[in-house]
Amino acid sequence: MKRTAVLISIFAVFTAVTIAQKRSVPSFGQYPAAVERTRAKAINFRSNPGARSFRTRLSNALRGGVNFAGHYILTGWGCGTGCTIAAIIDARTGNVYSPDEFSGIDATYGDDYSDEQLKFRKNSRMLIISGRPGSRAENETAPPSGDYYYEWTNNRLRLLRFVEKVN
């Protein structure tokens, strides 16, 4: 009888912890952004000299209009199998931002493979990177795989939460 009570207690604790973790994950609605109908005439390549290498991708994205954080355009393209590079364009000014986290995002493999490495909304400042964010030194260990929740604020990504994917 005591053994059954202990097992039930342990199960209840694990269940409560799991539910608490899922509830504490940020939501898009917690980071609202007023959507603007604005469109820059051209990409401002002076704002980011490295952006010239991707001028076709960025120019095509600019034509698509606002899709992130109220007045930004988030765009991405492949850099190999399971790899994505991305950038953010300010639709007001044409300025291009390339956060370090967007430099070679690795997909999550195993049971939790995601072909949608970037999740975002036009009416929210929150962004989710599924996999491993980019920009690490050649000999540096890769960060753990999972969902990285960021807020786009002051033209920078601010990490809100990380939820590791366990295979």
C-alpha atoms as a PDB file:
ATOM      1  CA  MET A   1       0.000   0.000   0.000  1.00  0.00           C
ATOM      2  CA  LYS A   2       2.806   2.442   0.903  1.00  0.00           C
ATOM      3  CA  ARG A   3       4.605   1.554  -2.312  1.00  0.00           C
ATOM      4  CA  THR A   4       1.530   2.420  -4.387  1.00  0.00           C
ATOM      5  CA  ALA A   5       1.151   5.755  -2.584  1.00  0.00           C
ATOM      6  CA  VAL A   6       4.819   6.608  -3.205  1.00  0.00           C
ATOM      7  CA  LEU A   7       4.529   5.723  -6.912  1.00  0.00           C
ATOM      8  CA  ILE A   8       1.387   7.829  -7.270  1.00  0.00           C
ATOM      9  CA  SER A   9       3.120  10.758  -5.529  1.00  0.00           C
ATOM     10  CA  ILE A  10       6.150  10.514  -7.822  1.00  0.00           C
ATOM     11  CA  PHE A  11       3.906  10.353 -10.885  1.00  0.00           C
ATOM     12  CA  ALA A  12       1.961  13.413  -9.683  1.00  0.00           C
ATOM     13  CA  VAL A  13       5.151  15.429  -9.173  1.00  0.00           C
ATOM     14  CA  PHE A  14       6.475  14.603 -12.677  1.00  0.00           C
ATOM     15  CA  THR A  15       3.109  15.430 -14.211  1.00  0.00           C
ATOM     16  CA  ALA A  16       2.970  18.776 -12.392  1.00  0.00           C
ATOM     17  CA  VAL A  17       6.503  19.680 -13.494  1.00  0.00           C
ATOM     18  CA  THR A  18       5.708  18.816 -17.128  1.00  0.00           C
ATOM     19  CA  ILE A  19       2.514  20.875 -17.099  1.00  0.00           C
ATOM     20  CA  ALA A  20       4.294  23.817 -15.448  1.00  0.00           C
ATOM     21  CA  GLN A  21       7.033  23.761 -18.108  1.00  0.00           C
ATOM     22  CA  LYS A  22       4.508  23.796 -20.951  1.00  0.00           C
ATOM     23  CA  ARG A  23       2.579  26.659 -19.382  1.00  0.00           C
ATOM     24  CA  SER A  24       5.684  28.797 -18.959  1.00  0.00           C
ATOM     25  CA  VAL A  25       6.491  28.747 -22.679  1.00  0.00           C
ATOM     26  CA  PRO A  26       6.038  32.244 -24.133  1.00  0.00           C
ATOM     27  CA  SER A  27       3.207  32.845 -26.587  1.00  0.00           C
ATOM     28  CA  PHE A  28       3.011  35.167 -29.573  1.00  0.00           C
ATOM     29  CA  GLY A  29       0.192  37.103 -27.888  1.00  0.00           C
ATOM     30  CA  GLN A  30       2.454  38.099 -24.982  1.00  0.00           C
ATOM     31  CA  TYR A  31       4.606  40.175 -27.364  1.00  0.00           C
ATOM     32  CA  PRO A  32       2.137  42.153 -29.499  1.00  0.00           C
ATOM     33  CA  ALA A  33       3.111  44.484 -32.332  1.00  0.00           C
ATOM     34  CA  ALA A  34       0.830  46.850 -34.249  1.00  0.00           C
ATOM     35  CA  VAL A  35       0.947  45.877 -37.920  1.00  0.00           C
ATOM     36  CA  GLU A  36       1.763  48.753 -40.275  1.00  0.00           C
ATOM     37  CA  ARG A  37       1.062  49.059 -43.974  1.00  0.00           C
ATOM     38  CA  THR A  38       4.492  50.348 -44.891  1.00  0.00           C
ATOM     39  CA  ARG A  39       6.996  49.418 -47.531  1.00  0.00           C
ATOM     40  CA  ALA A  40      10.524  50.677 -48.133  1.00  0.00           C
ATOM     41  CA  LYS A  41      11.348  51.523 -51.736  1.00  0.00           C
ATOM     42  CA  ALA A  42      14.647  49.630 -51.659  1.00  0.00           C
ATOM     43  CA  ILE A  43      17.038  47.690 -49.449  1.00  0.00           C
ATOM     44  CA  ASN A  44      19.532  49.927 -47.639  1.00  0.00           C
ATOM     45  CA  PHE A  45      22.704  47.924 -48.279  1.00  0.00           C
ATOM     46  CA  ARG A  46      24.808  50.529 -46.442  1.00  0.00           C
ATOM     47  CA  SER A  47      23.087  49.393 -43.216  1.00  0.00           C
ATOM     48  CA  ASN A  48      24.609  45.917 -43.547  1.00  0.00           C
ATOM     49  CA  PRO A  49      27.492  45.464 -46.019  1.00  0.00           C
ATOM     50  CA  GLY A  50      27.182  41.661 -45.883  1.00  0.00           C
ATOM     51  CA  ALA A  51      23.613  41.914 -47.174  1.00  0.00           C
ATOM     52  CA  ARG A  52      24.871  42.608 -50.705  1.00  0.00           C
ATOM     53  CA  SER A  53      25.688  38.894 -51.018  1.00  0.00           C
ATOM     54  CA  PHE A  54      21.974  38.155 -50.702  1.00  0.00           C
ATOM     55  CA  ARG A  55      20.512  41.088 -52.639  1.00  0.00           C
ATOM     56  CA  THR A  56      18.159  38.946 -54.757  1.00  0.00           C
ATOM     57  CA  ARG A  57      16.706  37.138 -51.726  1.00  0.00           C
ATOM     58  CA  LEU A  58      16.316  40.376 -49.778  1.00  0.00           C
ATOM     59  CA  SER A  59      14.796  42.324 -52.688  1.00  0.00           C
ATOM     60  CA  ASN A  60      12.263  39.552 -53.305  1.00  0.00           C
ATOM     61  CA  ALA A  61      11.364  39.496 -49.603  1.00  0.00           C
ATOM     62  CA  LEU A  62      10.893  43.278 -49.585  1.00  0.00           C
ATOM     63  CA  ARG A  63       8.236  42.941 -52.304  1.00  0.00           C
ATOM     64  CA  GLY A  64       6.347  40.441 -50.117  1.00  0.00           C
ATOM     65  CA  GLY A  65       5.619  43.027 -47.425  1.00  0.00           C
ATOM     66  CA  VAL A  66       5.499  43.030 -43.635  1.00  0.00           C
ATOM     67  CA  ASN A  67       5.353  39.586 -42.000  1.00  0.00           C
ATOM     68  CA  PHE A  68       7.027  40.069 -38.604  1.00  0.00           C
ATOM     69  CA  ALA A  69       6.843  42.344 -35.544  1.00  0.00           C
ATOM     70  CA  GLY A  70       4.587  44.994 -37.043  1.00  0.00           C
ATOM     71  CA  HIS A  71       6.875  46.612 -39.616  1.00  0.00           C
ATOM     72  CA  TYR A  72       9.595  44.076 -40.384  1.00  0.00           C
ATOM     73  CA  ILE A  73      10.107  41.447 -43.028  1.00  0.00           C
ATOM     74  CA  LEU A  74      11.749  38.221 -41.901  1.00  0.00           C
ATOM     75  CA  THR A  75      13.148  36.071 -44.674  1.00  0.00           C
ATOM     76  CA  GLY A  76      15.266  32.949 -44.823  1.00  0.00           C
ATOM     77  CA  TRP A  77      16.948  30.693 -47.361  1.00  0.00           C
ATOM     78  CA  GLY A  78      18.776  27.379 -47.368  1.00  0.00           C
ATOM     79  CA  CYS A  79      22.497  26.988 -46.765  1.00  0.00           C
ATOM     80  CA  GLY A  80      22.681  23.204 -47.137  1.00  0.00           C
ATOM     81  CA  THR A  81      20.812  20.207 -45.830  1.00  0.00           C
ATOM     82  CA  GLY A  82      18.908  21.180 -42.700  1.00  0.00           C
ATOM     83  CA  CYS A  83      20.498  24.644 -42.621  1.00  0.00           C
ATOM     84  CA  THR A  84      18.863  28.064 -42.868  1.00  0.00           C
ATOM     85  CA  ILE A  85      20.246  31.588 -43.038  1.00  0.00           C
ATOM     86  CA  ALA A  86      17.882  34.472 -42.338  1.00  0.00           C
ATOM     87  CA  ALA A  87      17.688  38.241 -42.151  1.00  0.00           C
ATOM     88  CA  ILE A  88      15.249  40.896 -40.993  1.00  0.00           C
ATOM     89  CA  ILE A  89      14.414  43.951 -43.104  1.00  0.00           C
ATOM     90  CA  ASP A  90      12.892  47.074 -41.563  1.00  0.00           C
ATOM     91  CA  ALA A  91      10.026  47.857 -43.961  1.00  0.00           C
ATOM     92  CA  ARG A  92      10.146  51.548 -42.957  1.00  0.00           C
ATOM     93  CA  THR A  93      13.807  52.162 -43.768  1.00  0.00           C
ATOM     94  CA  GLY A  94      15.061  49.193 -45.804  1.00  0.00           C
ATOM     95  CA  ASN A  95      17.751  48.517 -43.171  1.00  0.00           C
ATOM     96  CA  VAL A  96      18.864  44.882 -42.969  1.00  0.00           C
ATOM     97  CA  TYR A  97      19.623  43.086 -39.702  1.00  0.00           C
ATOM     98  CA  SER A  98      21.509  39.786 -39.522  1.00  0.00           C
ATOM     99  CA  PRO A  99      21.494  38.608 -35.901  1.00  0.00           C
ATOM    100  CA  ASP A 100      24.203  36.056 -35.067  1.00  0.00           C
ATOM    101  CA  GLU A 101      21.464  33.517 -34.313  1.00  0.00           C
ATOM    102  CA  PHE A 102      20.468  33.618 -38.029  1.00  0.00           C
ATOM    103  CA  SER A 103      23.898  32.619 -39.312  1.00  0.00           C
ATOM    104  CA  GLY A 104      23.382  28.939 -40.145  1.00  0.00           C
ATOM    105  CA  ILE A 105      20.417  27.635 -38.140  1.00  0.00           C
ATOM    106  CA  ASP A 106      20.624  23.836 -37.867  1.00  0.00           C
ATOM    107  CA  ALA A 107      17.433  21.781 -38.072  1.00  0.00           C
ATOM    108  CA  THR A 108      16.484  19.444 -35.234  1.00  0.00           C
ATOM    109  CA  TYR A 109      17.007  15.833 -36.250  1.00  0.00           C
ATOM    110  CA  GLY A 110      15.720  12.593 -34.770  1.00  0.00           C
ATOM    111  CA  ASP A 111      12.116  12.118 -33.765  1.00  0.00           C
ATOM    112  CA  ASP A 112      11.575  15.878 -33.557  1.00  0.00           C
ATOM    113  CA  TYR A 113      12.841  16.973 -36.992  1.00  0.00           C
ATOM    114  CA  SER A 114      11.303  20.297 -37.969  1.00  0.00           C
ATOM    115  CA  ASP A 115      11.386  21.667 -41.493  1.00  0.00           C
ATOM    116  CA  GLU A 116       9.974  24.906 -40.071  1.00  0.00           C
ATOM    117  CA  GLN A 117      13.007  26.342 -38.313  1.00  0.00           C
ATOM    118  CA  LEU A 118      11.577  29.857 -37.935  1.00  0.00           C
ATOM    119  CA  LYS A 119       8.144  30.534 -36.483  1.00  0.00           C
ATOM    120  CA  PHE A 120       6.868  34.108 -36.325  1.00  0.00           C
ATOM    121  CA  ARG A 121       3.797  36.313 -36.789  1.00  0.00           C
ATOM    122  CA  LYS A 122       3.356  39.759 -38.285  1.00  0.00           C
ATOM    123  CA  ASN A 123       1.525  40.976 -35.175  1.00  0.00           C
ATOM    124  CA  SER A 124       4.098  39.715 -32.652  1.00  0.00           C
ATOM    125  CA  ARG A 125       7.684  40.567 -31.676  1.00  0.00           C
ATOM    126  CA  MET A 126       8.296  36.943 -30.673  1.00  0.00           C
ATOM    127  CA  LEU A 127      10.255  34.527 -32.838  1.00  0.00           C
ATOM    128  CA  ILE A 128      10.905  30.820 -32.311  1.00  0.00           C
ATOM    129  CA  ILE A 129      13.992  29.099 -33.710  1.00  0.00           C
ATOM    130  CA  SER A 130      13.516  25.322 -33.805  1.00  0.00           C
ATOM    131  CA  GLY A 131      16.856  23.544 -33.920  1.00  0.00           C
ATOM    132  CA  ARG A 132      20.169  25.166 -33.095  1.00  0.00           C
ATOM    133  CA  PRO A 133      20.815  28.896 -33.598  1.00  0.00           C
ATOM    134  CA  GLY A 134      23.808  29.761 -35.749  1.00  0.00           C
ATOM    135  CA  SER A 135      27.061  31.679 -35.406  1.00  0.00           C
ATOM    136  CA  ARG A 136      29.503  29.577 -33.485  1.00  0.00           C
ATOM    137  CA  ALA A 137      33.236  29.244 -33.893  1.00  0.00           C
ATOM    138  CA  GLU A 138      34.556  26.303 -35.881  1.00  0.00           C
ATOM    139  CA  ASN A 139      35.828  24.402 -32.813  1.00  0.00           C
ATOM    140  CA  GLU A 140      32.960  25.427 -30.551  1.00  0.00           C
ATOM    141  CA  THR A 141      30.446  22.836 -29.394  1.00  0.00           C
ATOM    142  CA  ALA A 142      27.006  23.231 -30.927  1.00  0.00           C
ATOM    143  CA  PRO A 143      24.303  24.465 -28.554  1.00  0.00           C
ATOM    144  CA  PRO A 144      21.639  21.952 -27.550  1.00  0.00           C
ATOM    145  CA  SER A 145      18.798  21.325 -29.954  1.00  0.00           C
ATOM    146  CA  GLY A 146      15.360  22.624 -29.094  1.00  0.00           C
ATOM    147  CA  ASP A 147      13.036  25.596 -29.306  1.00  0.00           C
ATOM    148  CA  TYR A 148      14.631  28.983 -28.673  1.00  0.00           C
ATOM    149  CA  TYR A 149      12.101  31.730 -27.907  1.00  0.00           C
ATOM    150  CA  TYR A 150      13.263  35.269 -28.690  1.00  0.00           C
ATOM    151  CA  GLU A 151      11.821  38.764 -28.527  1.00  0.00           C
ATOM    152  CA  TRP A 152      12.773  41.224 -31.271  1.00  0.00           C
ATOM    153  CA  THR A 153      13.421  44.463 -29.414  1.00  0.00           C
ATOM    154  CA  ASN A 154      15.647  47.451 -30.264  1.00  0.00           C
ATOM    155  CA  ASN A 155      16.671  45.651 -33.482  1.00  0.00           C
ATOM    156  CA  ARG A 156      18.140  42.736 -31.533  1.00  0.00           C
ATOM    157  CA  LEU A 157      17.005  39.272 -30.500  1.00  0.00           C
ATOM    158  CA  ARG A 158      16.624  38.783 -26.755  1.00  0.00           C
ATOM    159  CA  LEU A 159      16.415  35.166 -25.579  1.00  0.00           C
ATOM    160  CA  LEU A 160      13.244  34.607 -23.563  1.00  0.00           C
ATOM    161  CA  ARG A 161      13.326  30.859 -22.996  1.00  0.00           C
ATOM    162  CA  PHE A 162      14.896  27.652 -24.250  1.00  0.00           C
ATOM    163  CA  VAL A 163      13.109  24.297 -24.285  1.00  0.00           C
ATOM    164  CA  GLU A 164      15.455  21.420 -25.045  1.00  0.00           C
ATOM    165  CA  LYS A 165      14.408  18.640 -27.413  1.00  0.00           C
ATOM    166  CA  VAL A 166      15.176  15.302 -25.871  1.00  0.00           C
ATOM    167  CA  ASN A 167      15.455  12.406 -28.342  1.00  0.00           C
END
